[in-house]
Amino acid sequence: MFTLALETIATIETEADEANSPGDERKLQDWAEGSQSNAKINAMIRMASKNEAVVVNMNDFDSDESKINCRNGLIDLTNGQLKKRTSKDLVSNIINIDYKRDAKAPIFETFVQQIFNDNAELVCCVQRALGIELVQVLTFTAQQRKRSSFLNSTISRPSFWQMP
């Protein structure tokens, strides 16, 4: 919030530089200089913290589990598309990778095929389960991670590995 207050002051200074008259320029410069005091910055922050357009409830962040934030954008897990992030997405967690939709993992794919004897249905099921858990591990907060027991409660059960 403090950084935004400083950016606002810088905007006033830019407006002063672009003023139509010397009188307007002087007024804007005075306003920018006066806005730099600790009291004025704190007042700006207090006012902004009460503005509904600025204030966001922490529970609103990371509520859409179909989105993953990565270095080069926001991945929509429902369709695999990468989109540009906006502040409206309210996604705070980020994984430190660049998403490449068509990336290949030949070593992993060969390994999974070998250990499951080329059973395509089982390989698909395991890859989906691992993908779900990986998304949870990479994006959930510590508290959410503690609640996540997907691998412990599902994959560890012998019945999970038996095909119908």
Protein backbone atom coordinates (compact mmCIF):
# COMPACT_ATOMS: atom_id res chain seq x y z
CA MET A 1 0.00 0.00 0.00
CA PHE A 2 2.91 2.32 0.83
CA THR A 3 4.35 1.77 -2.65
CA LEU A 4 1.01 2.68 -4.23
CA ALA A 5 0.93 5.88 -2.18
CA LEU A 6 4.39 6.81 -3.50
CA GLU A 7 3.26 5.98 -7.05
CA THR A 8 0.29 8.31 -6.57
CA ILE A 9 2.63 11.12 -5.52
CA ALA A 10 4.80 10.45 -8.58
CA THR A 11 1.65 10.73 -10.73
CA ILE A 12 0.96 14.18 -9.26
CA GLU A 13 4.53 15.18 -10.12
CA THR A 14 4.01 13.96 -13.70
CA GLU A 15 0.78 15.96 -13.91
CA ALA A 16 2.73 19.02 -12.77
CA ASP A 17 5.26 18.52 -15.58
CA GLU A 18 2.38 18.32 -18.09
CA ALA A 19 0.39 21.27 -16.69
CA ASN A 20 -1.13 23.78 -19.12
CA SER A 21 0.00 26.86 -17.24
CA PRO A 22 2.81 27.84 -14.86
CA GLY A 23 0.20 28.50 -12.17
CA ASP A 24 -1.26 25.00 -12.47
CA GLU A 25 2.24 23.55 -12.53
CA ARG A 26 3.15 25.34 -9.29
CA LYS A 27 -0.06 24.20 -7.55
CA LEU A 28 0.52 20.58 -8.56
CA GLN A 29 4.19 20.73 -7.49
CA ASP A 30 3.15 22.12 -4.09
CA TRP A 31 0.53 19.38 -3.77
CA ALA A 32 3.09 16.69 -4.66
CA GLU A 33 5.62 18.06 -2.17
CA GLY A 34 3.02 18.34 0.59
CA SER A 35 1.84 14.80 -0.12
CA GLN A 36 5.29 13.40 0.65
CA SER A 37 5.06 13.97 4.40
CA ASN A 38 4.62 10.94 6.63
CA ALA A 39 1.29 12.25 7.90
CA LYS A 40 -0.10 12.75 4.38
CA ILE A 41 1.11 9.34 3.19
CA ASN A 42 -0.43 7.65 6.25
CA ALA A 43 -3.68 9.54 5.68
CA MET A 44 -3.71 8.39 2.05
CA ILE A 45 -3.15 4.78 3.12
CA ARG A 46 -5.88 4.99 5.79
CA MET A 47 -8.35 6.36 3.25
CA ALA A 48 -7.44 3.74 0.65
CA SER A 49 -7.79 0.93 3.21
CA LYS A 50 -11.45 1.87 3.63
CA ASN A 51 -12.20 2.06 -0.09
CA GLU A 52 -14.14 -1.02 -1.21
CA ALA A 53 -12.57 -0.82 -4.68
CA VAL A 54 -9.13 -1.29 -3.12
CA VAL A 55 -9.78 -3.54 -0.13
CA VAL A 56 -9.83 -7.29 -0.74
CA ASN A 57 -10.68 -9.98 1.78
CA MET A 58 -7.81 -12.45 2.18
CA ASN A 59 -10.30 -15.31 1.82
CA ASP A 60 -10.97 -14.14 -1.74
CA PHE A 61 -7.41 -14.98 -2.79
CA ASP A 62 -6.61 -18.36 -4.33
CA SER A 63 -10.23 -19.53 -4.14
CA ASP A 64 -10.34 -20.73 -7.76
CA GLU A 65 -8.48 -24.03 -7.82
CA SER A 66 -8.69 -24.14 -11.62
CA LYS A 67 -5.99 -21.46 -11.94
CA ILE A 68 -2.25 -21.68 -11.36
CA ASN A 69 -0.05 -18.61 -11.37
CA CYS A 70 3.34 -19.13 -13.04
CA ARG A 71 6.11 -16.79 -14.22
CA ASN A 72 4.70 -16.22 -17.68
CA GLY A 73 0.99 -15.95 -16.85
CA LEU A 74 -2.01 -17.69 -15.39
CA ILE A 75 -2.80 -21.29 -16.40
CA ASP A 76 -6.45 -22.25 -16.68
CA LEU A 77 -6.48 -25.93 -15.69
CA THR A 78 -9.87 -26.51 -17.27
CA ASN A 79 -8.46 -26.01 -20.77
CA GLY A 80 -4.66 -25.70 -20.41
CA GLN A 81 -4.65 -22.16 -21.76
CA LEU A 82 -2.18 -19.53 -20.56
CA LYS A 83 -3.58 -16.05 -20.08
CA LYS A 84 -2.23 -12.73 -18.94
CA ARG A 85 -2.63 -12.10 -15.20
CA THR A 86 -4.75 -9.26 -13.91
CA SER A 87 -5.29 -7.99 -10.38
CA LYS A 88 -8.87 -9.25 -10.63
CA ASP A 89 -7.64 -12.86 -10.71
CA LEU A 90 -6.78 -12.69 -6.99
CA VAL A 91 -4.13 -15.40 -7.27
CA SER A 92 -1.27 -14.88 -4.83
CA ASN A 93 0.58 -18.19 -5.04
CA ILE A 94 3.06 -18.59 -7.88
CA ILE A 95 5.09 -21.51 -9.14
CA ASN A 96 8.56 -20.61 -10.34
CA ILE A 97 8.31 -21.99 -13.87
CA ASP A 98 7.42 -20.80 -17.35
CA TYR A 99 4.42 -22.75 -18.62
CA LYS A 100 4.86 -24.50 -21.96
CA ARG A 101 1.64 -26.16 -23.05
CA ASP A 102 3.30 -28.51 -25.52
CA ALA A 103 6.29 -29.43 -23.33
CA LYS A 104 7.25 -33.09 -23.50
CA ALA A 105 8.52 -35.32 -20.67
CA PRO A 106 9.82 -38.38 -22.50
CA ILE A 107 11.78 -39.83 -19.57
CA PHE A 108 8.77 -39.58 -17.24
CA GLU A 109 6.40 -40.93 -19.89
CA THR A 110 8.67 -43.90 -20.59
CA PHE A 111 9.06 -44.59 -16.86
CA VAL A 112 5.29 -44.55 -16.24
CA GLN A 113 4.64 -46.79 -19.25
CA GLN A 114 7.24 -49.28 -18.02
CA ILE A 115 6.11 -49.52 -14.41
CA PHE A 116 2.46 -49.92 -15.40
CA ASN A 117 3.14 -52.39 -18.24
CA ASP A 118 1.83 -50.06 -20.95
CA ASN A 119 -1.67 -50.13 -19.41
CA ALA A 120 -2.96 -46.92 -21.01
CA GLU A 121 -6.00 -46.64 -18.73
CA LEU A 122 -3.91 -47.01 -15.57
CA VAL A 123 -1.22 -44.64 -16.86
CA CYS A 124 -3.88 -42.02 -17.58
CA CYS A 125 -5.38 -42.46 -14.11
CA VAL A 126 -2.00 -42.19 -12.36
CA GLN A 127 -0.93 -39.16 -14.40
CA ARG A 128 -4.20 -37.41 -13.57
CA ALA A 129 -3.82 -38.23 -9.85
CA LEU A 130 -0.22 -37.02 -9.82
CA GLY A 131 -1.22 -33.86 -11.67
CA ILE A 132 -3.97 -33.09 -9.17
CA GLU A 133 -1.64 -33.61 -6.24
CA LEU A 134 1.15 -31.62 -7.86
CA VAL A 135 -1.18 -28.68 -8.39
CA GLN A 136 -2.21 -28.87 -4.73
CA VAL A 137 1.37 -29.06 -3.50
CA LEU A 138 2.52 -26.18 -5.68
CA THR A 139 -0.36 -23.82 -5.06
CA PHE A 140 -1.83 -24.44 -1.65
CA THR A 141 -0.76 -22.46 1.36
CA ALA A 142 0.88 -24.27 4.26
CA GLN A 143 -2.44 -24.56 6.07
CA GLN A 144 -4.15 -26.01 3.01
CA ARG A 145 -1.24 -28.39 2.46
CA LYS A 146 -1.73 -29.79 5.96
CA ARG A 147 -5.34 -30.55 5.09
CA SER A 148 -4.38 -32.16 1.81
CA SER A 149 -4.29 -35.89 2.26
CA PHE A 150 -4.89 -36.99 -1.30
CA LEU A 151 -1.78 -39.15 -1.62
CA ASN A 152 -2.01 -40.52 1.90
CA SER A 153 -5.69 -41.39 1.81
CA THR A 154 -6.20 -42.36 -1.81
CA ILE A 155 -3.09 -43.55 -3.60
CA SER A 156 -1.78 -45.40 -0.53
CA ARG A 157 -4.92 -47.61 -0.44
CA PRO A 158 -4.40 -50.94 -2.26
CA SER A 159 -7.87 -50.62 -3.78
CA PHE A 160 -6.74 -47.52 -5.69
CA TRP A 161 -4.30 -49.63 -7.72
CA GLN A 162 -6.75 -52.40 -8.56
CA MET A 163 -8.50 -51.98 -11.84
CA PRO A 164 -12.27 -52.64 -11.88
